[in-house]
Amino acid sequence: MSVQVSQSSFLQATIYPLNFGGILRPTMGGPDQLLNRLGNRFGVTVEVGELSSSSLEGRRLRQQLLQGQTQGVIFTFPQDGGDTGTQGVPRVNGGAQSGNTLVIDGVTPGYNAYEGQAISVSTAAIWYLYTVNAAATANGSGQLTLSITPMLRRSPNDNDIVELETPLIEGFLTSDVSWVYTPGNWQGMSFTIEETR
């Protein structure tokens, strides 16, 4: 079971896509072909600011990362603003969805999802991270249809939880966990999380 990592004060986060497609270039000069493969996902590298060594926040973050090396981690993905309103209680509206469209309900009527907004879906107790391709507004019944990137990696179940305002990234720590201790402070702590599926 993944460890929830605290959203401590951080200096910056570097967000990057993991793209498993590519360009097929014929050796005899024919047209290039773009190959899109299911499984594209995200990674993020977080650089943490200076933390007091006597603070609970610093000790907790350090311990969570040490545990996360063997269990996996969940981290609140940096959301880049946008006034969306109150999300309500979003859920997947109907199972067996696939492709680049996600239909949800339980959203506050009039809720505005914006282009580039990060969202996450919990299917079989695993969080999957996506971004919104185009602005969309929930109708009067609280239904919202989102165009998303990347494609759904796993078909969600009806009523799976959707997080629109505080998305989560879940995966493995792909970097070493280290920090610099100076009397009274932890410094130089950073970590990288990559989605595993």
C-alpha atoms as a PDB file:
ATOM      1  CA  MET A   1       0.000   0.000   0.000  1.00  0.00           C
ATOM      2  CA  SER A   2       1.392   3.378  -1.016  1.00  0.00           C
ATOM      3  CA  VAL A   3       2.477   5.945   1.585  1.00  0.00           C
ATOM      4  CA  GLN A   4       0.781   9.367   1.498  1.00  0.00           C
ATOM      5  CA  VAL A   5       3.576  11.958   1.341  1.00  0.00           C
ATOM      6  CA  SER A   6       2.865  15.307   3.008  1.00  0.00           C
ATOM      7  CA  GLN A   7       2.641  18.368   0.787  1.00  0.00           C
ATOM      8  CA  SER A   8       5.415  20.233   2.571  1.00  0.00           C
ATOM      9  CA  SER A   9       6.602  23.625   1.444  1.00  0.00           C
ATOM     10  CA  PHE A  10       8.547  23.050  -1.734  1.00  0.00           C
ATOM     11  CA  LEU A  11      10.727  25.322  -3.809  1.00  0.00           C
ATOM     12  CA  GLN A  12       9.700  23.925  -7.165  1.00  0.00           C
ATOM     13  CA  ALA A  13       8.266  20.931  -8.950  1.00  0.00           C
ATOM     14  CA  THR A  14       9.421  19.725 -12.369  1.00  0.00           C
ATOM     15  CA  ILE A  15       6.564  17.937 -14.129  1.00  0.00           C
ATOM     16  CA  TYR A  16       7.187  15.752 -17.155  1.00  0.00           C
ATOM     17  CA  PRO A  17       5.218  13.320 -19.335  1.00  0.00           C
ATOM     18  CA  LEU A  18       6.373   9.738 -19.892  1.00  0.00           C
ATOM     19  CA  ASN A  19       5.566   9.032 -23.547  1.00  0.00           C
ATOM     20  CA  PHE A  20       5.815   5.441 -24.746  1.00  0.00           C
ATOM     21  CA  GLY A  21       4.892   6.228 -28.335  1.00  0.00           C
ATOM     22  CA  GLY A  22       7.280   7.514 -30.965  1.00  0.00           C
ATOM     23  CA  ILE A  23       7.891   8.283 -34.607  1.00  0.00           C
ATOM     24  CA  LEU A  24       8.399   5.393 -37.012  1.00  0.00           C
ATOM     25  CA  ARG A  25      10.782   6.598 -39.722  1.00  0.00           C
ATOM     26  CA  PRO A  26      11.124   4.283 -42.743  1.00  0.00           C
ATOM     27  CA  THR A  27      14.693   3.580 -43.848  1.00  0.00           C
ATOM     28  CA  MET A  28      13.732   4.000 -47.536  1.00  0.00           C
ATOM     29  CA  GLY A  29      12.386   7.562 -47.249  1.00  0.00           C
ATOM     30  CA  GLY A  30       8.645   6.959 -47.001  1.00  0.00           C
ATOM     31  CA  PRO A  31       6.393   9.116 -44.817  1.00  0.00           C
ATOM     32  CA  ASP A  32       6.943   9.133 -41.079  1.00  0.00           C
ATOM     33  CA  GLN A  33       4.276   7.528 -38.924  1.00  0.00           C
ATOM     34  CA  LEU A  34       3.348   8.649 -35.391  1.00  0.00           C
ATOM     35  CA  LEU A  35       2.797   5.706 -33.066  1.00  0.00           C
ATOM     36  CA  ASN A  36       0.643   6.350 -30.003  1.00  0.00           C
ATOM     37  CA  ARG A  37       0.709   3.635 -27.380  1.00  0.00           C
ATOM     38  CA  LEU A  38      -1.514   3.128 -24.374  1.00  0.00           C
ATOM     39  CA  GLY A  39       0.330   3.775 -21.123  1.00  0.00           C
ATOM     40  CA  ASN A  40       1.551   7.375 -21.331  1.00  0.00           C
ATOM     41  CA  ARG A  41       1.695   8.872 -17.842  1.00  0.00           C
ATOM     42  CA  PHE A  42       3.438  11.447 -15.635  1.00  0.00           C
ATOM     43  CA  GLY A  43       6.411  12.008 -13.377  1.00  0.00           C
ATOM     44  CA  VAL A  44       7.298  14.862 -11.038  1.00  0.00           C
ATOM     45  CA  THR A  45      10.498  15.909  -9.303  1.00  0.00           C
ATOM     46  CA  VAL A  46       9.947  17.925  -6.137  1.00  0.00           C
ATOM     47  CA  GLU A  47      12.599  20.105  -4.511  1.00  0.00           C
ATOM     48  CA  VAL A  48      11.773  20.822  -0.874  1.00  0.00           C
ATOM     49  CA  GLY A  49      12.698  24.052   0.886  1.00  0.00           C
ATOM     50  CA  GLU A  50      14.630  24.311   4.122  1.00  0.00           C
ATOM     51  CA  LEU A  51      12.879  22.593   7.028  1.00  0.00           C
ATOM     52  CA  SER A  52      13.616  22.878  10.725  1.00  0.00           C
ATOM     53  CA  SER A  53      15.049  19.608  12.040  1.00  0.00           C
ATOM     54  CA  SER A  54      12.961  20.066  15.179  1.00  0.00           C
ATOM     55  CA  SER A  55       9.712  20.439  13.244  1.00  0.00           C
ATOM     56  CA  LEU A  56       7.244  17.591  12.931  1.00  0.00           C
ATOM     57  CA  GLU A  57       6.825  18.483   9.251  1.00  0.00           C
ATOM     58  CA  GLY A  58      10.461  17.786   8.402  1.00  0.00           C
ATOM     59  CA  ARG A  59      10.677  14.538  10.365  1.00  0.00           C
ATOM     60  CA  ARG A  60       7.389  13.308   8.944  1.00  0.00           C
ATOM     61  CA  LEU A  61       8.371  14.016   5.336  1.00  0.00           C
ATOM     62  CA  ARG A  62      11.721  12.280   5.765  1.00  0.00           C
ATOM     63  CA  GLN A  63      10.106   9.202   7.296  1.00  0.00           C
ATOM     64  CA  GLN A  64       7.362   9.035   4.664  1.00  0.00           C
ATOM     65  CA  LEU A  65       9.953   9.066   1.891  1.00  0.00           C
ATOM     66  CA  LEU A  66      11.991   6.344   3.562  1.00  0.00           C
ATOM     67  CA  GLN A  67       8.865   4.169   3.832  1.00  0.00           C
ATOM     68  CA  GLY A  68       7.866   5.068   0.277  1.00  0.00           C
ATOM     69  CA  GLN A  69      11.059   3.544  -1.122  1.00  0.00           C
ATOM     70  CA  THR A  70       9.624   0.085  -0.462  1.00  0.00           C
ATOM     71  CA  GLN A  71       5.889   0.774  -0.629  1.00  0.00           C
ATOM     72  CA  GLY A  72       5.297   3.402  -3.306  1.00  0.00           C
ATOM     73  CA  VAL A  73       4.001   6.910  -2.662  1.00  0.00           C
ATOM     74  CA  ILE A  74       0.999   9.175  -3.198  1.00  0.00           C
ATOM     75  CA  PHE A  75       1.623  12.916  -3.477  1.00  0.00           C
ATOM     76  CA  THR A  76      -0.655  15.902  -4.030  1.00  0.00           C
ATOM     77  CA  PHE A  77       0.100  16.937  -7.602  1.00  0.00           C
ATOM     78  CA  PRO A  78       0.829  20.675  -8.046  1.00  0.00           C
ATOM     79  CA  GLN A  79      -2.306  22.332  -9.463  1.00  0.00           C
ATOM     80  CA  ASP A  80      -1.587  25.519 -11.402  1.00  0.00           C
ATOM     81  CA  GLY A  81      -4.534  27.621 -10.311  1.00  0.00           C
ATOM     82  CA  GLY A  82      -7.698  28.412 -12.190  1.00  0.00           C
ATOM     83  CA  ASP A  83     -10.944  29.402 -10.487  1.00  0.00           C
ATOM     84  CA  THR A  84     -13.121  26.329 -10.765  1.00  0.00           C
ATOM     85  CA  GLY A  85     -15.611  26.702  -7.942  1.00  0.00           C
ATOM     86  CA  THR A  86     -16.553  23.839  -5.611  1.00  0.00           C
ATOM     87  CA  GLN A  87     -16.239  20.389  -7.183  1.00  0.00           C
ATOM     88  CA  GLY A  88     -19.025  18.592  -5.334  1.00  0.00           C
ATOM     89  CA  VAL A  89     -18.603  14.815  -5.050  1.00  0.00           C
ATOM     90  CA  PRO A  90     -17.362  13.760  -8.515  1.00  0.00           C
ATOM     91  CA  ARG A  91     -17.704  10.114  -9.545  1.00  0.00           C
ATOM     92  CA  VAL A  92     -17.214   8.222 -12.804  1.00  0.00           C
ATOM     93  CA  ASN A  93     -20.540   8.110 -14.640  1.00  0.00           C
ATOM     94  CA  GLY A  94     -20.666   4.625 -16.160  1.00  0.00           C
ATOM     95  CA  GLY A  95     -18.024   1.926 -16.417  1.00  0.00           C
ATOM     96  CA  ALA A  96     -16.220   0.611 -19.502  1.00  0.00           C
ATOM     97  CA  GLN A  97     -15.017   4.061 -20.596  1.00  0.00           C
ATOM     98  CA  SER A  98     -11.906   4.290 -22.749  1.00  0.00           C
ATOM     99  CA  GLY A  99      -9.972   6.664 -24.961  1.00  0.00           C
ATOM    100  CA  ASN A 100      -9.575  10.384 -24.313  1.00  0.00           C
ATOM    101  CA  THR A 101     -13.029  11.101 -22.858  1.00  0.00           C
ATOM    102  CA  LEU A 102     -14.117  10.790 -19.238  1.00  0.00           C
ATOM    103  CA  VAL A 103     -17.760  11.250 -18.246  1.00  0.00           C
ATOM    104  CA  ILE A 104     -18.402  12.043 -14.597  1.00  0.00           C
ATOM    105  CA  ASP A 105     -21.333  13.082 -12.412  1.00  0.00           C
ATOM    106  CA  GLY A 106     -21.883  14.310  -8.860  1.00  0.00           C
ATOM    107  CA  VAL A 107     -20.212  17.591  -9.803  1.00  0.00           C
ATOM    108  CA  THR A 108     -21.569  20.899  -8.553  1.00  0.00           C
ATOM    109  CA  PRO A 109     -23.788  22.307 -11.362  1.00  0.00           C
ATOM    110  CA  GLY A 110     -21.922  25.053 -13.196  1.00  0.00           C
ATOM    111  CA  TYR A 111     -18.488  23.810 -12.109  1.00  0.00           C
ATOM    112  CA  ASN A 112     -15.905  24.984 -14.656  1.00  0.00           C
ATOM    113  CA  ALA A 113     -13.053  22.654 -15.543  1.00  0.00           C
ATOM    114  CA  TYR A 114     -10.284  24.542 -17.345  1.00  0.00           C
ATOM    115  CA  GLU A 115      -7.806  23.630 -20.066  1.00  0.00           C
ATOM    116  CA  GLY A 116      -4.670  22.157 -18.502  1.00  0.00           C
ATOM    117  CA  GLN A 117      -6.353  21.304 -15.187  1.00  0.00           C
ATOM    118  CA  ALA A 118      -4.927  18.176 -13.547  1.00  0.00           C
ATOM    119  CA  ILE A 119      -7.413  15.565 -12.321  1.00  0.00           C
ATOM    120  CA  SER A 120      -7.067  12.080 -10.885  1.00  0.00           C
ATOM    121  CA  VAL A 121      -9.233   8.973 -10.876  1.00  0.00           C
ATOM    122  CA  SER A 122      -9.054   6.189  -8.279  1.00  0.00           C
ATOM    123  CA  THR A 123      -9.651   2.762  -9.834  1.00  0.00           C
ATOM    124  CA  ALA A 124      -9.051  -0.423  -7.832  1.00  0.00           C
ATOM    125  CA  ALA A 125      -7.468   1.730  -5.085  1.00  0.00           C
ATOM    126  CA  ILE A 126      -4.839   3.213  -7.453  1.00  0.00           C
ATOM    127  CA  TRP A 127      -4.758   6.878  -8.496  1.00  0.00           C
ATOM    128  CA  TYR A 128      -4.344   7.713 -12.200  1.00  0.00           C
ATOM    129  CA  LEU A 129      -3.399  11.272 -13.203  1.00  0.00           C
ATOM    130  CA  TYR A 130      -4.728  13.095 -16.293  1.00  0.00           C
ATOM    131  CA  THR A 131      -4.967  16.648 -17.645  1.00  0.00           C
ATOM    132  CA  VAL A 132      -7.966  18.364 -19.244  1.00  0.00           C
ATOM    133  CA  ASN A 133      -7.697  19.206 -22.955  1.00  0.00           C
ATOM    134  CA  ALA A 134     -10.474  21.806 -23.187  1.00  0.00           C
ATOM    135  CA  ALA A 135     -12.632  23.861 -20.843  1.00  0.00           C
ATOM    136  CA  ALA A 136     -15.951  22.257 -19.900  1.00  0.00           C
ATOM    137  CA  THR A 137     -18.858  23.127 -17.593  1.00  0.00           C
ATOM    138  CA  ALA A 138     -20.994  20.753 -15.531  1.00  0.00           C
ATOM    139  CA  ASN A 139     -24.652  20.792 -16.541  1.00  0.00           C
ATOM    140  CA  GLY A 140     -27.602  21.341 -14.211  1.00  0.00           C
ATOM    141  CA  SER A 141     -27.617  17.641 -13.289  1.00  0.00           C
ATOM    142  CA  GLY A 142     -23.966  17.713 -12.250  1.00  0.00           C
ATOM    143  CA  GLN A 143     -22.723  15.775 -15.273  1.00  0.00           C
ATOM    144  CA  LEU A 144     -19.425  16.754 -16.852  1.00  0.00           C
ATOM    145  CA  THR A 145     -17.726  15.342 -19.942  1.00  0.00           C
ATOM    146  CA  LEU A 146     -13.974  15.902 -20.075  1.00  0.00           C
ATOM    147  CA  SER A 147     -11.517  15.504 -22.924  1.00  0.00           C
ATOM    148  CA  ILE A 148      -8.302  14.276 -21.283  1.00  0.00           C
ATOM    149  CA  THR A 149      -4.629  13.509 -21.896  1.00  0.00           C
ATOM    150  CA  PRO A 150      -3.250  10.881 -21.838  1.00  0.00           C
ATOM    151  CA  MET A 151      -5.791   8.236 -22.795  1.00  0.00           C
ATOM    152  CA  LEU A 152      -7.413   6.301 -19.988  1.00  0.00           C
ATOM    153  CA  ARG A 153      -4.849   3.641 -19.031  1.00  0.00           C
ATOM    154  CA  ARG A 154      -7.394   1.533 -17.218  1.00  0.00           C
ATOM    155  CA  SER A 155     -11.129   1.550 -17.780  1.00  0.00           C
ATOM    156  CA  PRO A 156     -12.669   3.021 -14.620  1.00  0.00           C
ATOM    157  CA  ASN A 157     -15.606   1.486 -12.808  1.00  0.00           C
ATOM    158  CA  ASP A 158     -18.916   3.250 -12.379  1.00  0.00           C
ATOM    159  CA  ASN A 159     -18.789   5.511  -9.298  1.00  0.00           C
ATOM    160  CA  ASP A 160     -14.986   5.490  -9.001  1.00  0.00           C
ATOM    161  CA  ILE A 161     -13.769   8.585  -7.137  1.00  0.00           C
ATOM    162  CA  VAL A 162     -12.609  11.553  -9.247  1.00  0.00           C
ATOM    163  CA  GLU A 163     -10.546  14.387  -7.764  1.00  0.00           C
ATOM    164  CA  LEU A 164     -10.809  17.642  -9.701  1.00  0.00           C
ATOM    165  CA  GLU A 165      -9.325  20.188  -7.312  1.00  0.00           C
ATOM    166  CA  THR A 166      -6.580  18.348  -5.398  1.00  0.00           C
ATOM    167  CA  PRO A 167      -5.307  15.688  -7.814  1.00  0.00           C
ATOM    168  CA  LEU A 168      -2.955  12.955  -6.666  1.00  0.00           C
ATOM    169  CA  ILE A 169      -0.034  11.251  -8.354  1.00  0.00           C
ATOM    170  CA  GLU A 170       0.738   7.692  -7.247  1.00  0.00           C
ATOM    171  CA  GLY A 171       3.807   5.709  -8.157  1.00  0.00           C
ATOM    172  CA  PHE A 172       7.315   4.712  -7.210  1.00  0.00           C
ATOM    173  CA  LEU A 173      10.191   6.865  -6.015  1.00  0.00           C
ATOM    174  CA  THR A 174      12.654   6.723  -8.906  1.00  0.00           C
ATOM    175  CA  SER A 175      15.329   8.879  -7.267  1.00  0.00           C
ATOM    176  CA  ASP A 176      17.510   8.425  -4.230  1.00  0.00           C
ATOM    177  CA  VAL A 177      16.192   9.895  -0.986  1.00  0.00           C
ATOM    178  CA  SER A 178      18.811  12.150   0.591  1.00  0.00           C
ATOM    179  CA  TRP A 179      19.072  15.360   2.553  1.00  0.00           C
ATOM    180  CA  VAL A 180      21.710  17.661   3.981  1.00  0.00           C
ATOM    181  CA  TYR A 181      21.691  18.224   7.729  1.00  0.00           C
ATOM    182  CA  THR A 182      23.073  21.412   9.195  1.00  0.00           C
ATOM    183  CA  PRO A 183      22.535  22.128  12.897  1.00  0.00           C
ATOM    184  CA  GLY A 184      18.859  22.902  13.236  1.00  0.00           C
ATOM    185  CA  ASN A 185      17.843  22.393   9.602  1.00  0.00           C
ATOM    186  CA  TRP A 186      17.217  19.850   6.849  1.00  0.00           C
ATOM    187  CA  GLN A 187      18.200  21.126   3.396  1.00  0.00           C
ATOM    188  CA  GLY A 188      18.544  19.876  -0.157  1.00  0.00           C
ATOM    189  CA  MET A 189      15.782  17.275   0.070  1.00  0.00           C
ATOM    190  CA  SER A 190      14.291  16.255  -3.264  1.00  0.00           C
ATOM    191  CA  PHE A 191      12.442  13.278  -4.674  1.00  0.00           C
ATOM    192  CA  THR A 192      11.020  12.016  -7.967  1.00  0.00           C
ATOM    193  CA  ILE A 193       7.749  10.122  -8.342  1.00  0.00           C
ATOM    194  CA  GLU A 194       6.760   8.346 -11.557  1.00  0.00           C
ATOM    195  CA  GLU A 195       3.412   6.720 -12.197  1.00  0.00           C
ATOM    196  CA  THR A 196       3.839   2.991 -12.695  1.00  0.00           C
ATOM    197  CA  ARG A 197       0.820   2.256 -14.872  1.00  0.00           C
END
